C-alpha atoms as a PDB file:
ATOM      1  CA  UNK A   1      74.154 131.967 111.194  1.00  0.00           C
ATOM      2  CA  UNK A   2      74.216 131.570 107.424  1.00  0.00           C
ATOM      3  CA  UNK A   3      72.681 134.350 105.364  1.00  0.00           C
ATOM      4  CA  UNK A   4      69.736 133.825 103.044  1.00  0.00           C
ATOM      5  CA  UNK A   5      72.069 134.104 100.050  1.00  0.00           C
ATOM      6  CA  UNK A   6      74.381 131.424 101.465  1.00  0.00           C
ATOM      7  CA  UNK A   7      71.485 129.057 102.127  1.00  0.00           C
ATOM      8  CA  UNK A   8      70.161 129.569  98.603  1.00  0.00           C
ATOM      9  CA  UNK A   9      73.618 128.907  97.174  1.00  0.00           C
ATOM     10  CA  UNK A  10      73.938 125.681  99.131  1.00  0.00           C
ATOM     11  CA  UNK A  11      70.522 124.562  97.922  1.00  0.00           C
ATOM     12  CA  UNK A  12      71.476 125.419  94.345  1.00  0.00           C
ATOM     13  CA  UNK A  13      74.730 123.428  94.627  1.00  0.00           C
ATOM     14  CA  UNK A  14      72.854 120.432  96.036  1.00  0.00           C
ATOM     15  CA  UNK A  15      70.241 120.530  93.276  1.00  0.00           C
ATOM     16  CA  UNK A  16      72.888 120.807  90.564  1.00  0.00           C
ATOM     17  CA  UNK A  17      74.866 117.976  92.125  1.00  0.00           C
ATOM     18  CA  UNK A  18      71.847 115.669  92.277  1.00  0.00           C
ATOM     19  CA  UNK A  19      70.916 116.450  88.672  1.00  0.00           C
ATOM     20  CA  UNK A  20      74.494 115.862  87.547  1.00  0.00           C
ATOM     21  CA  UNK A  21      74.635 112.432  89.220  1.00  0.00           C
ATOM     22  CA  UNK A  22      71.215 111.537  87.795  1.00  0.00           C
ATOM     23  CA  UNK A  23      72.381 112.394  84.269  1.00  0.00           C
ATOM     24  CA  UNK A  24      75.512 110.273  84.679  1.00  0.00           C
ATOM     25  CA  UNK A  25      73.357 107.345  85.791  1.00  0.00           C
ATOM     26  CA  UNK A  26      70.878 107.757  82.926  1.00  0.00           C
ATOM     27  CA  UNK A  27      70.629 104.982  80.360  1.00  0.00           C
ATOM     28  CA  UNK A  28      72.134 107.314  77.739  1.00  0.00           C
ATOM     29  CA  UNK A  29      73.890 110.277  79.397  1.00  0.00           C
ATOM     30  CA  UNK A  30      73.816 113.485  77.377  1.00  0.00           C
ATOM     31  CA  UNK A  31      77.307 114.954  77.240  1.00  0.00           C
ATOM     32  CA  UNK A  32      76.041 118.374  76.126  1.00  0.00           C
ATOM     33  CA  UNK A  33      73.803 118.477  79.209  1.00  0.00           C
ATOM     34  CA  UNK A  34      76.693 117.477  81.439  1.00  0.00           C
ATOM     35  CA  UNK A  35      78.955 120.155  79.912  1.00  0.00           C
ATOM     36  CA  UNK A  36      76.262 122.782  80.421  1.00  0.00           C
ATOM     37  CA  UNK A  37      75.874 121.740  84.061  1.00  0.00           C
ATOM     38  CA  UNK A  38      79.641 122.025  84.570  1.00  0.00           C
ATOM     39  CA  UNK A  39      79.655 125.501  83.030  1.00  0.00           C
ATOM     40  CA  UNK A  40      76.839 126.488  85.375  1.00  0.00           C
ATOM     41  CA  UNK A  41      78.685 125.395  88.500  1.00  0.00           C
ATOM     42  CA  UNK A  42      77.832 121.721  88.957  1.00  0.00           C
ATOM     43  CA  UNK A  43      80.424 120.076  91.197  1.00  0.00           C
ATOM     44  CA  UNK A  44      81.905 117.041  89.460  1.00  0.00           C
ATOM     45  CA  UNK A  45      83.120 115.888  92.896  1.00  0.00           C
ATOM     46  CA  UNK A  46      79.687 116.254  94.512  1.00  0.00           C
ATOM     47  CA  UNK A  47      79.262 113.862  97.467  1.00  0.00           C
ATOM     48  CA  UNK A  48      82.812 112.515  97.214  1.00  0.00           C
ATOM     49  CA  UNK A  49      82.687 111.923  93.447  1.00  0.00           C
ATOM     50  CA  UNK A  50      79.377 110.066  93.393  1.00  0.00           C
ATOM     51  CA  UNK A  51      79.053 110.680  89.647  1.00  0.00           C
ATOM     52  CA  UNK A  52      82.456 109.101  89.034  1.00  0.00           C
ATOM     53  CA  UNK A  53      81.507 106.178  91.260  1.00  0.00           C
ATOM     54  CA  UNK A  54      78.463 105.420  89.101  1.00  0.00           C
ATOM     55  CA  UNK A  55      80.237 105.963  85.804  1.00  0.00           C
ATOM     56  CA  UNK A  56      82.965 103.551  86.896  1.00  0.00           C
ATOM     57  CA  UNK A  57      80.537 101.002  88.336  1.00  0.00           C
ATOM     58  CA  UNK A  58      78.611 100.970  85.055  1.00  0.00           C
ATOM     59  CA  UNK A  59      81.862 100.505  83.075  1.00  0.00           C
ATOM     60  CA  UNK A  60      81.299 103.733  81.131  1.00  0.00           C
ATOM     61  CA  UNK A  61      84.922 104.372  80.267  1.00  0.00           C
ATOM     62  CA  UNK A  62      84.324 107.364  77.990  1.00  0.00           C
ATOM     63  CA  UNK A  63      82.212 109.013  80.674  1.00  0.00           C
ATOM     64  CA  UNK A  64      84.878 108.381  83.311  1.00  0.00           C
ATOM     65  CA  UNK A  65      87.434 110.140  81.087  1.00  0.00           C
ATOM     66  CA  UNK A  66      84.996 113.040  80.634  1.00  0.00           C
ATOM     67  CA  UNK A  67      84.642 113.410  84.407  1.00  0.00           C
ATOM     68  CA  UNK A  68      88.427 113.274  84.850  1.00  0.00           C
ATOM     69  CA  UNK A  69      88.865 116.041  82.285  1.00  0.00           C
ATOM     70  CA  UNK A  70      86.317 118.113  84.197  1.00  0.00           C
ATOM     71  CA  UNK A  71      88.052 117.881  87.562  1.00  0.00           C
ATOM     72  CA  UNK A  72      87.006 114.589  89.167  1.00  0.00           C
ATOM     73  CA  UNK A  73      90.546 113.927  90.398  1.00  0.00           C
ATOM     74  CA  UNK A  74      90.183 116.727  92.941  1.00  0.00           C
ATOM     75  CA  UNK A  75      88.408 114.176  95.126  1.00  0.00           C
ATOM     76  CA  UNK A  76      91.037 112.045  96.933  1.00  0.00           C
ATOM     77  CA  UNK A  77      89.138 108.760  96.475  1.00  0.00           C
ATOM     78  CA  UNK A  78      88.791 109.206  92.705  1.00  0.00           C
ATOM     79  CA  UNK A  79      92.052 107.448  91.855  1.00  0.00           C
ATOM     80  CA  UNK A  80      90.935 104.402  93.826  1.00  0.00           C
ATOM     81  CA  UNK A  81      87.522 104.378  92.117  1.00  0.00           C
ATOM     82  CA  UNK A  82      89.149 104.480  88.690  1.00  0.00           C
ATOM     83  CA  UNK A  83      91.905 101.992  89.457  1.00  0.00           C
ATOM     84  CA  UNK A  84      89.376  99.437  90.725  1.00  0.00           C
ATOM     85  CA  UNK A  85      87.295  99.477  87.554  1.00  0.00           C
ATOM     86  CA  UNK A  86      89.185  96.341  86.502  1.00  0.00           C
ATOM     87  CA  UNK A  87      87.462  94.503  89.368  1.00  0.00           C
ATOM     88  CA  UNK A  88      83.956  95.615  88.433  1.00  0.00           C
ATOM     89  CA  UNK A  89      81.250  93.161  87.491  1.00  0.00           C
ATOM     90  CA  UNK A  90      81.136  92.984  83.713  1.00  0.00           C
ATOM     91  CA  UNK A  91      84.785  93.945  83.209  1.00  0.00           C
ATOM     92  CA  UNK A  92      86.372  91.536  80.733  1.00  0.00           C
ATOM     93  CA  UNK A  93      89.603  91.168  78.814  1.00  0.00           C
ATOM     94  CA  UNK A  94      87.873  92.976  75.947  1.00  0.00           C
ATOM     95  CA  UNK A  95      87.363  95.969  78.282  1.00  0.00           C
ATOM     96  CA  UNK A  96      91.093  96.450  78.812  1.00  0.00           C
ATOM     97  CA  UNK A  97      91.828  98.804  75.870  1.00  0.00           C
ATOM     98  CA  UNK A  98      89.168 101.262  77.073  1.00  0.00           C
ATOM     99  CA  UNK A  99      90.359 100.871  80.661  1.00  0.00           C
ATOM    100  CA  UNK A 100      93.913 101.727  79.656  1.00  0.00           C
ATOM    101  CA  UNK A 101      92.627 104.776  77.773  1.00  0.00           C
ATOM    102  CA  UNK A 102      91.108 105.934  81.063  1.00  0.00           C
ATOM    103  CA  UNK A 103      94.433 105.376  82.828  1.00  0.00           C
ATOM    104  CA  UNK A 104      96.107 107.390  80.060  1.00  0.00           C
ATOM    105  CA  UNK A 105      93.708 110.221  80.830  1.00  0.00           C
ATOM    106  CA  UNK A 106      94.510 110.003  84.533  1.00  0.00           C
ATOM    107  CA  UNK A 107      98.240 110.177  83.845  1.00  0.00           C
ATOM    108  CA  UNK A 108      97.765 113.087  81.447  1.00  0.00           C
ATOM    109  CA  UNK A 109      95.703 115.087  83.927  1.00  0.00           C
ATOM    110  CA  UNK A 110      97.543 114.118  87.109  1.00  0.00           C
ATOM    111  CA  UNK A 111     101.273 113.572  87.268  1.00  0.00           C
ATOM    112  CA  UNK A 112     100.866 112.338  90.861  1.00  0.00           C
ATOM    113  CA  UNK A 113      98.957 109.151  90.037  1.00  0.00           C
ATOM    114  CA  UNK A 114     102.077 106.966  90.285  1.00  0.00           C
ATOM    115  CA  UNK A 115     101.911 103.197  90.680  1.00  0.00           C
ATOM    116  CA  UNK A 116      98.684 103.350  92.718  1.00  0.00           C
ATOM    117  CA  UNK A 117      96.499 103.590  89.632  1.00  0.00           C
ATOM    118  CA  UNK A 118      97.863 100.231  88.401  1.00  0.00           C
ATOM    119  CA  UNK A 119      97.794  98.283  91.687  1.00  0.00           C
ATOM    120  CA  UNK A 120      94.315  96.672  91.398  1.00  0.00           C
ATOM    121  CA  UNK A 121      95.025  95.569  87.826  1.00  0.00           C
ATOM    122  CA  UNK A 122      98.428  94.199  88.819  1.00  0.00           C
ATOM    123  CA  UNK A 123      96.861  92.156  91.619  1.00  0.00           C
ATOM    124  CA  UNK A 124      94.035  90.967  89.389  1.00  0.00           C
ATOM    125  CA  UNK A 125      96.509  89.668  86.821  1.00  0.00           C
ATOM    126  CA  UNK A 126      98.779  88.187  89.492  1.00  0.00           C
ATOM    127  CA  UNK A 127      95.991  86.104  91.017  1.00  0.00           C
ATOM    128  CA  UNK A 128      95.194  84.769  87.532  1.00  0.00           C
ATOM    129  CA  UNK A 129      98.834  83.971  86.870  1.00  0.00           C
ATOM    130  CA  UNK A 130      98.873  86.294  83.850  1.00  0.00           C
ATOM    131  CA  UNK A 131     102.514  87.308  83.798  1.00  0.00           C
ATOM    132  CA  UNK A 132     102.135  88.086  80.087  1.00  0.00           C
ATOM    133  CA  UNK A 133      99.615  90.800  80.978  1.00  0.00           C
ATOM    134  CA  UNK A 134     101.959  92.333  83.533  1.00  0.00           C
ATOM    135  CA  UNK A 135     104.786  92.321  81.010  1.00  0.00           C
ATOM    136  CA  UNK A 136     102.558  94.173  78.545  1.00  0.00           C
ATOM    137  CA  UNK A 137     101.632  96.678  81.269  1.00  0.00           C
ATOM    138  CA  UNK A 138     105.286  97.264  82.140  1.00  0.00           C
ATOM    139  CA  UNK A 139     106.163  97.853  78.513  1.00  0.00           C
ATOM    140  CA  UNK A 140     103.272 100.238  77.895  1.00  0.00           C
ATOM    141  CA  UNK A 141     103.838 102.389  80.976  1.00  0.00           C
ATOM    142  CA  UNK A 142     107.591 101.987  81.447  1.00  0.00           C
ATOM    143  CA  UNK A 143     107.165 100.302  84.821  1.00  0.00           C
ATOM    144  CA  UNK A 144     110.012  98.286  86.315  1.00  0.00           C
ATOM    145  CA  UNK A 145     109.664  94.642  87.350  1.00  0.00           C
ATOM    146  CA  UNK A 146     110.531  95.701  90.897  1.00  0.00           C
ATOM    147  CA  UNK A 147     107.677  98.254  90.993  1.00  0.00           C
ATOM    148  CA  UNK A 148     105.137  95.762  89.707  1.00  0.00           C
ATOM    149  CA  UNK A 149     106.233  92.839  91.894  1.00  0.00           C
ATOM    150  CA  UNK A 150     106.168  95.026  95.002  1.00  0.00           C
ATOM    151  CA  UNK A 151     102.609  96.123  94.187  1.00  0.00           C
ATOM    152  CA  UNK A 152     101.305  92.561  94.666  1.00  0.00           C
ATOM    153  CA  UNK A 153      99.560  92.213  98.029  1.00  0.00           C
ATOM    154  CA  UNK A 154     100.684  89.402 100.291  1.00  0.00           C
ATOM    155  CA  UNK A 155      97.177  87.898 100.270  1.00  0.00           C
ATOM    156  CA  UNK A 156      97.404  87.766  96.486  1.00  0.00           C
ATOM    157  CA  UNK A 157     100.782  86.021  96.775  1.00  0.00           C
ATOM    158  CA  UNK A 158      99.018  83.433  98.929  1.00  0.00           C
ATOM    159  CA  UNK A 159      96.472  82.937  96.122  1.00  0.00           C
ATOM    160  CA  UNK A 160      99.279  82.608  93.580  1.00  0.00           C
ATOM    161  CA  UNK A 161     100.750  79.774  95.681  1.00  0.00           C
ATOM    162  CA  UNK A 162      97.356  78.153  96.206  1.00  0.00           C
ATOM    163  CA  UNK A 163      96.665  78.092  92.473  1.00  0.00           C
ATOM    164  CA  UNK A 164     100.198  76.913  91.637  1.00  0.00           C
ATOM    165  CA  UNK A 165     101.020  79.838  89.344  1.00  0.00           C
ATOM    166  CA  UNK A 166     104.703  78.986  89.515  1.00  0.00           C
ATOM    167  CA  UNK A 167     105.869  81.431  86.841  1.00  0.00           C
ATOM    168  CA  UNK A 168     104.128  84.325  88.573  1.00  0.00           C
ATOM    169  CA  UNK A 169     105.483  83.235  91.955  1.00  0.00           C
ATOM    170  CA  UNK A 170     108.983  83.096  90.512  1.00  0.00           C
ATOM    171  CA  UNK A 171     108.593  86.629  89.170  1.00  0.00           C
ATOM    172  CA  UNK A 172     107.438  87.921  92.567  1.00  0.00           C
ATOM    173  CA  UNK A 173     110.114  86.075  94.515  1.00  0.00           C
ATOM    174  CA  UNK A 174     112.772  87.523  92.232  1.00  0.00           C
ATOM    175  CA  UNK A 175     111.965  91.014  93.498  1.00  0.00           C
ATOM    176  CA  UNK A 176     110.124  90.694  96.824  1.00  0.00           C
ATOM    177  CA  UNK A 177     111.436  89.145 100.052  1.00  0.00           C
ATOM    178  CA  UNK A 178     108.004  88.536 101.543  1.00  0.00           C
ATOM    179  CA  UNK A 179     108.672  85.254 103.366  1.00  0.00           C
ATOM    180  CA  UNK A 180     108.874  86.402 106.975  1.00  0.00           C
ATOM    181  CA  UNK A 181     107.263  86.095 110.408  1.00  0.00           C
ATOM    182  CA  UNK A 182     104.346  88.316 109.390  1.00  0.00           C
ATOM    183  CA  UNK A 183     103.546  86.042 106.455  1.00  0.00           C
ATOM    184  CA  UNK A 184     103.783  83.005 108.728  1.00  0.00           C
ATOM    185  CA  UNK A 185     101.344  84.547 111.208  1.00  0.00           C
ATOM    186  CA  UNK A 186      98.945  85.414 108.412  1.00  0.00           C
ATOM    187  CA  UNK A 187      99.034  81.854 107.081  1.00  0.00           C
ATOM    188  CA  UNK A 188      98.431  80.358 110.533  1.00  0.00           C
ATOM    189  CA  UNK A 189      95.643  82.722 111.578  1.00  0.00           C
ATOM    190  CA  UNK A 190      93.948  82.463 108.179  1.00  0.00           C
ATOM    191  CA  UNK A 191      94.138  78.661 107.798  1.00  0.00           C
ATOM    192  CA  UNK A 192      96.273  78.965 104.676  1.00  0.00           C
ATOM    193  CA  UNK A 193      97.887  75.582 105.236  1.00  0.00           C
ATOM    194  CA  UNK A 194      99.135  75.280 101.641  1.00  0.00           C
ATOM    195  CA  UNK A 195     101.009  78.565 102.071  1.00  0.00           C
ATOM    196  CA  UNK A 196     102.245  77.475 105.499  1.00  0.00           C
ATOM    197  CA  UNK A 197     103.723  74.315 103.993  1.00  0.00           C
ATOM    198  CA  UNK A 198     105.384  76.405 101.288  1.00  0.00           C
ATOM    199  CA  UNK A 199     106.906  78.813 103.804  1.00  0.00           C
ATOM    200  CA  UNK A 200     108.306  76.054 105.988  1.00  0.00           C
ATOM    201  CA  UNK A 201     109.601  74.001 103.068  1.00  0.00           C
ATOM    202  CA  UNK A 202     111.437  77.013 101.667  1.00  0.00           C
ATOM    203  CA  UNK A 203     113.340  77.226 104.945  1.00  0.00           C
ATOM    204  CA  UNK A 204     113.259  81.022 105.198  1.00  0.00           C
ATOM    205  CA  UNK A 205     110.759  80.947 108.082  1.00  0.00           C
ATOM    206  CA  UNK A 206     110.877  78.752 111.169  1.00  0.00           C
ATOM    207  CA  UNK A 207     107.787  77.179 112.750  1.00  0.00           C
ATOM    208  CA  UNK A 208     107.506  79.943 115.337  1.00  0.00           C
ATOM    209  CA  UNK A 209     104.232  81.849 114.868  1.00  0.00           C
ATOM    210  CA  UNK A 210     103.100  84.457 117.361  1.00  0.00           C
ATOM    211  CA  UNK A 211     100.794  83.556 120.244  1.00  0.00           C
ATOM    212  CA  UNK A 212      98.106  85.747 118.701  1.00  0.00           C
ATOM    213  CA  UNK A 213      98.206  83.838 115.405  1.00  0.00           C
ATOM    214  CA  UNK A 214      98.021  80.426 117.090  1.00  0.00           C
ATOM    215  CA  UNK A 215      95.243  81.643 119.390  1.00  0.00           C
ATOM    216  CA  UNK A 216      93.200  82.610 116.340  1.00  0.00           C
ATOM    217  CA  UNK A 217      93.852  79.228 114.752  1.00  0.00           C
ATOM    218  CA  UNK A 218      92.782  77.457 117.940  1.00  0.00           C
ATOM    219  CA  UNK A 219      89.632  79.520 118.339  1.00  0.00           C
ATOM    220  CA  UNK A 220      88.651  79.080 114.684  1.00  0.00           C
ATOM    221  CA  UNK A 221      89.359  75.347 114.633  1.00  0.00           C
ATOM    222  CA  UNK A 222      92.156  75.419 112.078  1.00  0.00           C
ATOM    223  CA  UNK A 223      93.560  71.991 112.902  1.00  0.00           C
ATOM    224  CA  UNK A 224      95.341  71.622 109.539  1.00  0.00           C
ATOM    225  CA  UNK A 225      97.748  74.480 110.235  1.00  0.00           C
ATOM    226  CA  UNK A 226      98.223  73.327 113.822  1.00  0.00           C
ATOM    227  CA  UNK A 227      99.042  69.802 112.657  1.00  0.00           C
ATOM    228  CA  UNK A 228     101.684  71.158 110.293  1.00  0.00           C
ATOM    229  CA  UNK A 229     103.256  73.284 113.034  1.00  0.00           C
ATOM    230  CA  UNK A 230     103.349  70.367 115.451  1.00  0.00           C
ATOM    231  CA  UNK A 231     104.915  68.137 112.807  1.00  0.00           C
ATOM    232  CA  UNK A 232     107.646  70.748 112.363  1.00  0.00           C
ATOM    233  CA  UNK A 233     108.558  70.827 116.048  1.00  0.00           C
ATOM    234  CA  UNK A 234     106.234  73.514 117.375  1.00  0.00           C
ATOM    235  CA  UNK A 235     104.868  72.930 120.878  1.00  0.00           C
ATOM    236  CA  UNK A 236     101.752  74.356 122.499  1.00  0.00           C
ATOM    237  CA  UNK A 237     103.636  74.507 125.792  1.00  0.00           C
ATOM    238  CA  UNK A 238     100.487  74.218 127.935  1.00  0.00           C
ATOM    239  CA  UNK A 239      99.728  77.837 127.072  1.00  0.00           C
ATOM    240  CA  UNK A 240      96.719  78.940 129.181  1.00  0.00           C
ATOM    241  CA  UNK A 241      95.521  81.336 126.484  1.00  0.00           C
ATOM    242  CA  UNK A 242      95.310  78.521 123.931  1.00  0.00           C
ATOM    243  CA  UNK A 243      93.251  76.440 126.349  1.00  0.00           C
ATOM    244  CA  UNK A 244      90.985  79.410 127.000  1.00  0.00           C
ATOM    245  CA  UNK A 245      90.437  79.893 123.271  1.00  0.00           C
ATOM    246  CA  UNK A 246      89.574  76.219 122.840  1.00  0.00           C
ATOM    247  CA  UNK A 247      87.107  76.340 125.734  1.00  0.00           C
ATOM    248  CA  UNK A 248      85.443  79.492 124.410  1.00  0.00           C
ATOM    249  CA  UNK A 249      85.222  77.934 120.956  1.00  0.00           C
ATOM    250  CA  UNK A 250      83.128  75.132 122.452  1.00  0.00           C
ATOM    251  CA  UNK A 251      80.110  77.452 122.436  1.00  0.00           C
ATOM    252  CA  UNK A 252      80.186  77.224 118.628  1.00  0.00           C
ATOM    253  CA  UNK A 253      82.009  74.010 117.715  1.00  0.00           C
ATOM    254  CA  UNK A 254      80.575  71.671 120.352  1.00  0.00           C
ATOM    255  CA  UNK A 255      83.995  71.173 121.906  1.00  0.00           C
ATOM    256  CA  UNK A 256      85.862  69.962 118.813  1.00  0.00           C
ATOM    257  CA  UNK A 257      88.903  72.165 119.425  1.00  0.00           C
ATOM    258  CA  UNK A 258      88.894  71.452 123.141  1.00  0.00           C
ATOM    259  CA  UNK A 259      89.136  67.724 122.361  1.00  0.00           C
ATOM    260  CA  UNK A 260      92.020  68.520 120.028  1.00  0.00           C
ATOM    261  CA  UNK A 261      93.872  70.438 122.741  1.00  0.00           C
ATOM    262  CA  UNK A 262      93.287  67.730 125.337  1.00  0.00           C
ATOM    263  CA  UNK A 263      94.716  65.184 122.920  1.00  0.00           C
ATOM    264  CA  UNK A 264      97.871  67.301 122.678  1.00  0.00           C
ATOM    265  CA  UNK A 265      98.796  67.476 126.347  1.00  0.00           C
ATOM    266  CA  UNK A 266      96.263  69.786 127.946  1.00  0.00           C
ATOM    267  CA  UNK A 267      94.184  68.774 130.964  1.00  0.00           C
ATOM    268  CA  UNK A 268      90.887  69.659 132.654  1.00  0.00           C
ATOM    269  CA  UNK A 269      92.948  70.796 135.641  1.00  0.00           C
ATOM    270  CA  UNK A 270      95.071  73.239 133.642  1.00  0.00           C
ATOM    271  CA  UNK A 271      94.534  76.812 134.754  1.00  0.00           C
ATOM    272  CA  UNK A 272      93.611  79.993 132.914  1.00  0.00           C
ATOM    273  CA  UNK A 273      92.326  83.255 134.395  1.00  0.00           C
ATOM    274  CA  UNK A 274      93.182  81.909 137.858  1.00  0.00           C
ATOM    275  CA  UNK A 275      90.843  78.892 137.689  1.00  0.00           C
ATOM    276  CA  UNK A 276      90.941  75.416 136.198  1.00  0.00           C
ATOM    277  CA  UNK A 277      89.437  74.880 132.775  1.00  0.00           C
ATOM    278  CA  UNK A 278      86.597  72.910 134.362  1.00  0.00           C
ATOM    279  CA  UNK A 279      85.854  75.674 136.916  1.00  0.00           C
ATOM    280  CA  UNK A 280      85.752  78.251 134.125  1.00  0.00           C
ATOM    281  CA  UNK A 281      83.379  76.073 132.105  1.00  0.00           C
ATOM    282  CA  UNK A 282      81.016  75.816 135.093  1.00  0.00           C
ATOM    283  CA  UNK A 283      81.064  79.586 135.679  1.00  0.00           C
ATOM    284  CA  UNK A 284      80.509  80.263 131.960  1.00  0.00           C
ATOM    285  CA  UNK A 285      77.735  77.646 131.772  1.00  0.00           C
ATOM    286  CA  UNK A 286      79.702  76.182 128.911  1.00  0.00           C
ATOM    287  CA  UNK A 287      77.930  72.833 128.699  1.00  0.00           C
ATOM    288  CA  UNK A 288      79.862  71.476 125.712  1.00  0.00           C
ATOM    289  CA  UNK A 289      83.191  72.196 127.409  1.00  0.00           C
ATOM    290  CA  UNK A 290      81.957  70.819 130.743  1.00  0.00           C
ATOM    291  CA  UNK A 291      80.937  67.507 129.169  1.00  0.00           C
ATOM    292  CA  UNK A 292      84.359  67.012 127.551  1.00  0.00           C
ATOM    293  CA  UNK A 293      86.315  68.118 130.613  1.00  0.00           C
ATOM    294  CA  UNK A 294      84.241  65.897 132.920  1.00  0.00           C
ATOM    295  CA  UNK A 295      84.837  62.909 130.635  1.00  0.00           C
ATOM    296  CA  UNK A 296      88.585  63.491 130.780  1.00  0.00           C
ATOM    297  CA  UNK A 297      88.551  63.829 134.544  1.00  0.00           C
ATOM    298  CA  UNK A 298      86.541  60.611 135.077  1.00  0.00           C
END
């Protein structure tokens, strides 16, 4: 059982922490007050760096640097909070100089920041096709093209393709061999048919997505990606799991995907889970599926 002194200390730490966060959130934070609180034991990392979270969210770059200098990087999530400031509401191109000053502070205080502190900015510029911005970043922080290109998330690469940022895509492709089965599955299951066309046209990936990816496409009604796969020689192969997904989808889509599957070789008498599709629809009280399956059988 905690002693009276320990309980009082915990209460004191909580009070100081709450006051510290409140001052950071104030319309005009008083730096002298914040320094005094720090000297009197206020925890800059109180509640997983809540003060830093608010300073970053409010785009108060100077205040973020102050918190870094007073130990905010002790909290593991602090680097992520700071790095993602470039995605905050209200962050503009004019905010970049102050943002980079904050990153300079991070690198001065912590030698272990590495590429992680730049990743959100890199992805933000990649999705906008701003290769010029990435080149400036590389020059300022002595980052290699390989480091920067490899920091671009695959979902962002998809967006680069979708928005036809050819120069950015060329830069990424020069350093990253991302066109693989995992990317194909992601395109199929996410209905990224533009990306799917790109992958297949490039010839590095065959039209052979995983069953899980196709099942998701079937269930979600992504006929565009399925049409592309079929046009490239893919076959559903009377897969019972695909039929099951189409039948289950009928609860939400009125049987649209089930009609699609029936038009591509499936039948009301095909079996999944040990019963015909029609028998399963009756057991599940799946009226939309039953109507379609009965019409095919008649």
